[in-house]
Amino acid sequence: MVNGVKFGISTYISHGHKDYGDTLLALMSRQLYLSKQELLDFIDCRMGGEDYVALMQVRGHLV
């Protein structure tokens, strides 16, 4: 949810990326509109929520 508006960008992860194979990580990165490296940064908290929202706005996925 951004500024009170819910968007259809979502995925689910319950543990760190070391528990997942490349196939699942690729699927998740497509769902979140991220590269694989960006997804790993997001999972490992090197990319925060505000960073993600800003990136989605730049890429046109959020208004």
PDB file of N, CA and C in Angstrom:
ATOM      1  N   MET A   1       0.849  -1.154   0.000  1.00  0.00           N
ATOM      2  CA  MET A   1       0.000   0.000   0.000  1.00  0.00           C
ATOM      3  C   MET A   1       0.906   1.232   0.000  1.00  0.00           C
ATOM      4  N   VAL A   2       0.626   2.147  -0.915  1.00  0.00           N
ATOM      5  CA  VAL A   2       1.396   3.380  -1.024  1.00  0.00           C
ATOM      6  C   VAL A   2       0.422   4.543  -1.017  1.00  0.00           C
ATOM      7  N   ASN A   3       0.604   5.453  -0.075  1.00  0.00           N
ATOM      8  CA  ASN A   3      -0.288   6.617   0.046  1.00  0.00           C
ATOM      9  C   ASN A   3      -1.756   6.204   0.117  1.00  0.00           C
ATOM     10  N   GLY A   4      -2.036   5.128   0.820  1.00  0.00           N
ATOM     11  CA  GLY A   4      -3.396   4.659   1.004  1.00  0.00           C
ATOM     12  C   GLY A   4      -3.978   3.885  -0.162  1.00  0.00           C
ATOM     13  N   VAL A   5      -3.183   3.656  -1.206  1.00  0.00           N
ATOM     14  CA  VAL A   5      -3.658   2.939  -2.388  1.00  0.00           C
ATOM     15  C   VAL A   5      -2.970   1.583  -2.458  1.00  0.00           C
ATOM     16  N   LYS A   6      -3.753   0.510  -2.589  1.00  0.00           N
ATOM     17  CA  LYS A   6      -3.198  -0.836  -2.686  1.00  0.00           C
ATOM     18  C   LYS A   6      -2.902  -1.156  -4.148  1.00  0.00           C
ATOM     19  N   PHE A   7      -1.702  -1.667  -4.419  1.00  0.00           N
ATOM     20  CA  PHE A   7      -1.293  -2.029  -5.765  1.00  0.00           C
ATOM     21  C   PHE A   7      -1.154  -3.540  -5.861  1.00  0.00           C
ATOM     22  N   GLY A   8      -1.213  -4.066  -7.067  1.00  0.00           N
ATOM     23  CA  GLY A   8      -1.171  -5.507  -7.297  1.00  0.00           C
ATOM     24  C   GLY A   8       0.227  -6.074  -7.409  1.00  0.00           C
ATOM     25  N   ILE A   9       1.196  -5.483  -6.739  1.00  0.00           N
ATOM     26  CA  ILE A   9       2.566  -5.988  -6.758  1.00  0.00           C
ATOM     27  C   ILE A   9       2.782  -6.751  -5.464  1.00  0.00           C
ATOM     28  N   SER A  10       3.011  -8.064  -5.563  1.00  0.00           N
ATOM     29  CA  SER A  10       3.209  -8.828  -4.333  1.00  0.00           C
ATOM     30  C   SER A  10       3.896 -10.154  -4.617  1.00  0.00           C
ATOM     31  N   THR A  11       4.476 -10.686  -3.577  1.00  0.00           N
ATOM     32  CA  THR A  11       5.016 -12.039  -3.566  1.00  0.00           C
ATOM     33  C   THR A  11       5.145 -12.425  -2.101  1.00  0.00           C
ATOM     34  N   TYR A  12       5.590 -13.627  -1.810  1.00  0.00           N
ATOM     35  CA  TYR A  12       5.720 -14.090  -0.432  1.00  0.00           C
ATOM     36  C   TYR A  12       7.061 -14.772  -0.259  1.00  0.00           C
ATOM     37  N   ILE A  13       7.725 -14.454   0.838  1.00  0.00           N
ATOM     38  CA  ILE A  13       8.980 -15.134   1.178  1.00  0.00           C
ATOM     39  C   ILE A  13       9.013 -15.302   2.692  1.00  0.00           C
ATOM     40  N   SER A  14       9.414 -16.471   3.152  1.00  0.00           N
ATOM     41  CA  SER A  14       9.390 -16.722   4.589  1.00  0.00           C
ATOM     42  C   SER A  14      10.775 -16.789   5.216  1.00  0.00           C
ATOM     43  N   HIS A  15      11.819 -16.921   4.409  1.00  0.00           N
ATOM     44  CA  HIS A  15      13.179 -17.020   4.933  1.00  0.00           C
ATOM     45  C   HIS A  15      14.122 -16.261   4.019  1.00  0.00           C
ATOM     46  N   GLY A  16      15.397 -16.287   4.314  1.00  0.00           N
ATOM     47  CA  GLY A  16      16.400 -15.644   3.469  1.00  0.00           C
ATOM     48  C   GLY A  16      16.542 -16.335   2.126  1.00  0.00           C
ATOM     49  N   HIS A  17      17.150 -15.649   1.177  1.00  0.00           N
ATOM     50  CA  HIS A  17      17.240 -16.164  -0.189  1.00  0.00           C
ATOM     51  C   HIS A  17      18.065 -17.437  -0.305  1.00  0.00           C
ATOM     52  N   LYS A  18      18.881 -17.763   0.674  1.00  0.00           N
ATOM     53  CA  LYS A  18      19.705 -18.970   0.595  1.00  0.00           C
ATOM     54  C   LYS A  18      18.850 -20.233   0.627  1.00  0.00           C
ATOM     55  N   ASP A  19      17.592 -20.110   1.071  1.00  0.00           N
ATOM     56  CA  ASP A  19      16.685 -21.253   1.131  1.00  0.00           C
ATOM     57  C   ASP A  19      15.973 -21.506  -0.192  1.00  0.00           C
ATOM     58  N   TYR A  20      16.175 -20.645  -1.182  1.00  0.00           N
ATOM     59  CA  TYR A  20      15.426 -20.730  -2.431  1.00  0.00           C
ATOM     60  C   TYR A  20      16.355 -20.934  -3.609  1.00  0.00           C
ATOM     61  N   GLY A  21      15.873 -21.644  -4.619  1.00  0.00           N
ATOM     62  CA  GLY A  21      16.652 -21.876  -5.824  1.00  0.00           C
ATOM     63  C   GLY A  21      16.473 -20.742  -6.822  1.00  0.00           C
ATOM     64  N   ASP A  22      17.269 -20.787  -7.873  1.00  0.00           N
ATOM     65  CA  ASP A  22      17.233 -19.747  -8.896  1.00  0.00           C
ATOM     66  C   ASP A  22      15.876 -19.641  -9.584  1.00  0.00           C
ATOM     67  N   THR A  23      15.197 -20.756  -9.772  1.00  0.00           N
ATOM     68  CA  THR A  23      13.902 -20.728 -10.452  1.00  0.00           C
ATOM     69  C   THR A  23      12.883 -19.920  -9.660  1.00  0.00           C
ATOM     70  N   LEU A  24      12.804 -20.172  -8.355  1.00  0.00           N
ATOM     71  CA  LEU A  24      11.856 -19.437  -7.520  1.00  0.00           C
ATOM     72  C   LEU A  24      12.254 -17.969  -7.408  1.00  0.00           C
ATOM     73  N   LEU A  25      13.545 -17.694  -7.266  1.00  0.00           N
ATOM     74  CA  LEU A  25      13.999 -16.306  -7.189  1.00  0.00           C
ATOM     75  C   LEU A  25      13.679 -15.553  -8.479  1.00  0.00           C
ATOM     76  N   ALA A  26      13.820 -16.211  -9.624  1.00  0.00           N
ATOM     77  CA  ALA A  26      13.491 -15.576 -10.902  1.00  0.00           C
ATOM     78  C   ALA A  26      11.999 -15.249 -10.971  1.00  0.00           C
ATOM     79  N   LEU A  27      11.164 -16.171 -10.522  1.00  0.00           N
ATOM     80  CA  LEU A  27       9.723 -15.935 -10.508  1.00  0.00           C
ATOM     81  C   LEU A  27       9.376 -14.754  -9.601  1.00  0.00           C
ATOM     82  N   MET A  28       9.952 -14.747  -8.413  1.00  0.00           N
ATOM     83  CA  MET A  28       9.680 -13.667  -7.467  1.00  0.00           C
ATOM     84  C   MET A  28      10.164 -12.323  -7.998  1.00  0.00           C
ATOM     85  N   SER A  29      11.326 -12.300  -8.631  1.00  0.00           N
ATOM     86  CA  SER A  29      11.842 -11.034  -9.155  1.00  0.00           C
ATOM     87  C   SER A  29      10.917 -10.499 -10.251  1.00  0.00           C
ATOM     88  N   ARG A  30      10.357 -11.375 -11.084  1.00  0.00           N
ATOM     89  CA  ARG A  30       9.388 -10.929 -12.103  1.00  0.00           C
ATOM     90  C   ARG A  30       8.122 -10.394 -11.451  1.00  0.00           C
ATOM     91  N   GLN A  31       7.650 -11.053 -10.394  1.00  0.00           N
ATOM     92  CA  GLN A  31       6.436 -10.604  -9.710  1.00  0.00           C
ATOM     93  C   GLN A  31       6.620  -9.219  -9.099  1.00  0.00           C
ATOM     94  N   LEU A  32       7.829  -8.933  -8.644  1.00  0.00           N
ATOM     95  CA  LEU A  32       8.107  -7.656  -7.979  1.00  0.00           C
ATOM     96  C   LEU A  32       8.735  -6.622  -8.906  1.00  0.00           C
ATOM     97  N   TYR A  33       8.904  -6.966 -10.185  1.00  0.00           N
ATOM     98  CA  TYR A  33       9.500  -6.061 -11.175  1.00  0.00           C
ATOM     99  C   TYR A  33      10.914  -5.652 -10.786  1.00  0.00           C
ATOM    100  N   LEU A  34      11.699  -6.616 -10.321  1.00  0.00           N
ATOM    101  CA  LEU A  34      13.080  -6.379  -9.916  1.00  0.00           C
ATOM    102  C   LEU A  34      14.004  -7.311 -10.684  1.00  0.00           C
ATOM    103  N   SER A  35      15.265  -6.906 -10.806  1.00  0.00           N
ATOM    104  CA  SER A  35      16.273  -7.842 -11.305  1.00  0.00           C
ATOM    105  C   SER A  35      16.562  -8.833 -10.182  1.00  0.00           C
ATOM    106  N   LYS A  36      17.246  -9.908 -10.506  1.00  0.00           N
ATOM    107  CA  LYS A  36      17.576 -10.886  -9.466  1.00  0.00           C
ATOM    108  C   LYS A  36      18.433 -10.239  -8.380  1.00  0.00           C
ATOM    109  N   GLN A  37      19.420  -9.428  -8.767  1.00  0.00           N
ATOM    110  CA  GLN A  37      20.279  -8.778  -7.772  1.00  0.00           C
ATOM    111  C   GLN A  37      19.481  -7.805  -6.909  1.00  0.00           C
ATOM    112  N   GLU A  38      18.558  -7.064  -7.515  1.00  0.00           N
ATOM    113  CA  GLU A  38      17.714  -6.153  -6.732  1.00  0.00           C
ATOM    114  C   GLU A  38      16.864  -6.937  -5.742  1.00  0.00           C
ATOM    115  N   LEU A  39      16.337  -8.083  -6.162  1.00  0.00           N
ATOM    116  CA  LEU A  39      15.548  -8.916  -5.256  1.00  0.00           C
ATOM    117  C   LEU A  39      16.397  -9.390  -4.082  1.00  0.00           C
ATOM    118  N   LEU A  40      17.609  -9.846  -4.359  1.00  0.00           N
ATOM    119  CA  LEU A  40      18.494 -10.299  -3.276  1.00  0.00           C
ATOM    120  C   LEU A  40      18.807  -9.154  -2.322  1.00  0.00           C
ATOM    121  N   ASP A  41      19.020  -7.956  -2.854  1.00  0.00           N
ATOM    122  CA  ASP A  41      19.250  -6.783  -2.004  1.00  0.00           C
ATOM    123  C   ASP A  41      18.022  -6.504  -1.146  1.00  0.00           C
ATOM    124  N   PHE A  42      16.836  -6.634  -1.725  1.00  0.00           N
ATOM    125  CA  PHE A  42      15.590  -6.391  -0.999  1.00  0.00           C
ATOM    126  C   PHE A  42      15.413  -7.418   0.115  1.00  0.00           C
ATOM    127  N   ILE A  43      15.635  -8.684  -0.194  1.00  0.00           N
ATOM    128  CA  ILE A  43      15.498  -9.759   0.794  1.00  0.00           C
ATOM    129  C   ILE A  43      16.496  -9.581   1.934  1.00  0.00           C
ATOM    130  N   ASP A  44      17.719  -9.190   1.602  1.00  0.00           N
ATOM    131  CA  ASP A  44      18.771  -9.031   2.610  1.00  0.00           C
ATOM    132  C   ASP A  44      18.764  -7.651   3.262  1.00  0.00           C
ATOM    133  N   CYS A  45      17.703  -6.873   3.035  1.00  0.00           N
ATOM    134  CA  CYS A  45      17.500  -5.550   3.653  1.00  0.00           C
ATOM    135  C   CYS A  45      18.531  -4.509   3.225  1.00  0.00           C
ATOM    136  N   ARG A  46      19.147  -4.694   2.067  1.00  0.00           N
ATOM    137  CA  ARG A  46      20.028  -3.653   1.531  1.00  0.00           C
ATOM    138  C   ARG A  46      19.227  -2.652   0.701  1.00  0.00           C
ATOM    139  N   MET A  47      17.983  -3.013   0.357  1.00  0.00           N
ATOM    140  CA  MET A  47      17.039  -2.105  -0.287  1.00  0.00           C
ATOM    141  C   MET A  47      15.830  -2.031   0.629  1.00  0.00           C
ATOM    142  N   GLY A  48      15.496  -0.838   1.070  1.00  0.00           N
ATOM    143  CA  GLY A  48      14.370  -0.669   1.973  1.00  0.00           C
ATOM    144  C   GLY A  48      13.054  -0.480   1.231  1.00  0.00           C
ATOM    145  N   GLY A  49      11.984  -0.436   1.978  1.00  0.00           N
ATOM    146  CA  GLY A  49      10.658  -0.254   1.397  1.00  0.00           C
ATOM    147  C   GLY A  49      10.521   1.044   0.633  1.00  0.00           C
ATOM    148  N   GLU A  50      11.055   2.129   1.194  1.00  0.00           N
ATOM    149  CA  GLU A  50      10.988   3.423   0.508  1.00  0.00           C
ATOM    150  C   GLU A  50      11.788   3.389  -0.787  1.00  0.00           C
ATOM    151  N   ASP A  51      12.934   2.704  -0.768  1.00  0.00           N
ATOM    152  CA  ASP A  51      13.742   2.558  -1.985  1.00  0.00           C
ATOM    153  C   ASP A  51      12.963   1.790  -3.050  1.00  0.00           C
ATOM    154  N   TYR A  52      12.288   0.736  -2.627  1.00  0.00           N
ATOM    155  CA  TYR A  52      11.507  -0.080  -3.560  1.00  0.00           C
ATOM    156  C   TYR A  52      10.382   0.743  -4.184  1.00  0.00           C
ATOM    157  N   VAL A  53       9.659   1.487  -3.356  1.00  0.00           N
ATOM    158  CA  VAL A  53       8.560   2.318  -3.860  1.00  0.00           C
ATOM    159  C   VAL A  53       9.089   3.342  -4.860  1.00  0.00           C
ATOM    160  N   ALA A  54      10.203   3.993  -4.529  1.00  0.00           N
ATOM    161  CA  ALA A  54      10.794   4.979  -5.440  1.00  0.00           C
ATOM    162  C   ALA A  54      11.178   4.329  -6.768  1.00  0.00           C
ATOM    163  N   LEU A  55      11.759   3.143  -6.714  1.00  0.00           N
ATOM    164  CA  LEU A  55      12.156   2.428  -7.925  1.00  0.00           C
ATOM    165  C   LEU A  55      10.936   2.066  -8.770  1.00  0.00           C
ATOM    166  N   MET A  56       9.861   1.620  -8.127  1.00  0.00           N
ATOM    167  CA  MET A  56       8.644   1.275  -8.861  1.00  0.00           C
ATOM    168  C   MET A  56       8.013   2.515  -9.495  1.00  0.00           C
ATOM    169  N   GLN A  57       8.115   3.657  -8.826  1.00  0.00           N
ATOM    170  CA  GLN A  57       7.594   4.898  -9.398  1.00  0.00           C
ATOM    171  C   GLN A  57       8.410   5.308 -10.617  1.00  0.00           C
ATOM    172  N   VAL A  58       9.729   5.214 -10.523  1.00  0.00           N
ATOM    173  CA  VAL A  58      10.603   5.558 -11.648  1.00  0.00           C
ATOM    174  C   VAL A  58      10.315   4.651 -12.841  1.00  0.00           C
ATOM    175  N   ARG A  59      10.071   3.379 -12.573  1.00  0.00           N
ATOM    176  CA  ARG A  59       9.823   2.406 -13.645  1.00  0.00           C
ATOM    177  C   ARG A  59       8.381   2.422 -14.148  1.00  0.00           C
ATOM    178  N   GLY A  60       7.535   3.243 -13.528  1.00  0.00           N
ATOM    179  CA  GLY A  60       6.159   3.386 -13.992  1.00  0.00           C
ATOM    180  C   GLY A  60       5.187   2.343 -13.485  1.00  0.00           C
ATOM    181  N   HIS A  61       5.578   1.558 -12.483  1.00  0.00           N
ATOM    182  CA  HIS A  61       4.686   0.539 -11.930  1.00  0.00           C
ATOM    183  C   HIS A  61       3.780   1.111 -10.843  1.00  0.00           C
ATOM    184  N   LEU A  62       4.158   2.244 -10.276  1.00  0.00           N
ATOM    185  CA  LEU A  62       3.345   2.958  -9.284  1.00  0.00           C
ATOM    186  C   LEU A  62       3.218   4.403  -9.740  1.00  0.00           C
ATOM    187  N   VAL A  63       2.093   4.992  -9.462  1.00  0.00           N
ATOM    188  CA  VAL A  63       1.866   6.376  -9.868  1.00  0.00           C
ATOM    189  C   VAL A  63       2.261   7.336  -8.782  1.00  0.00           C
TER     190      VAL A  63
END
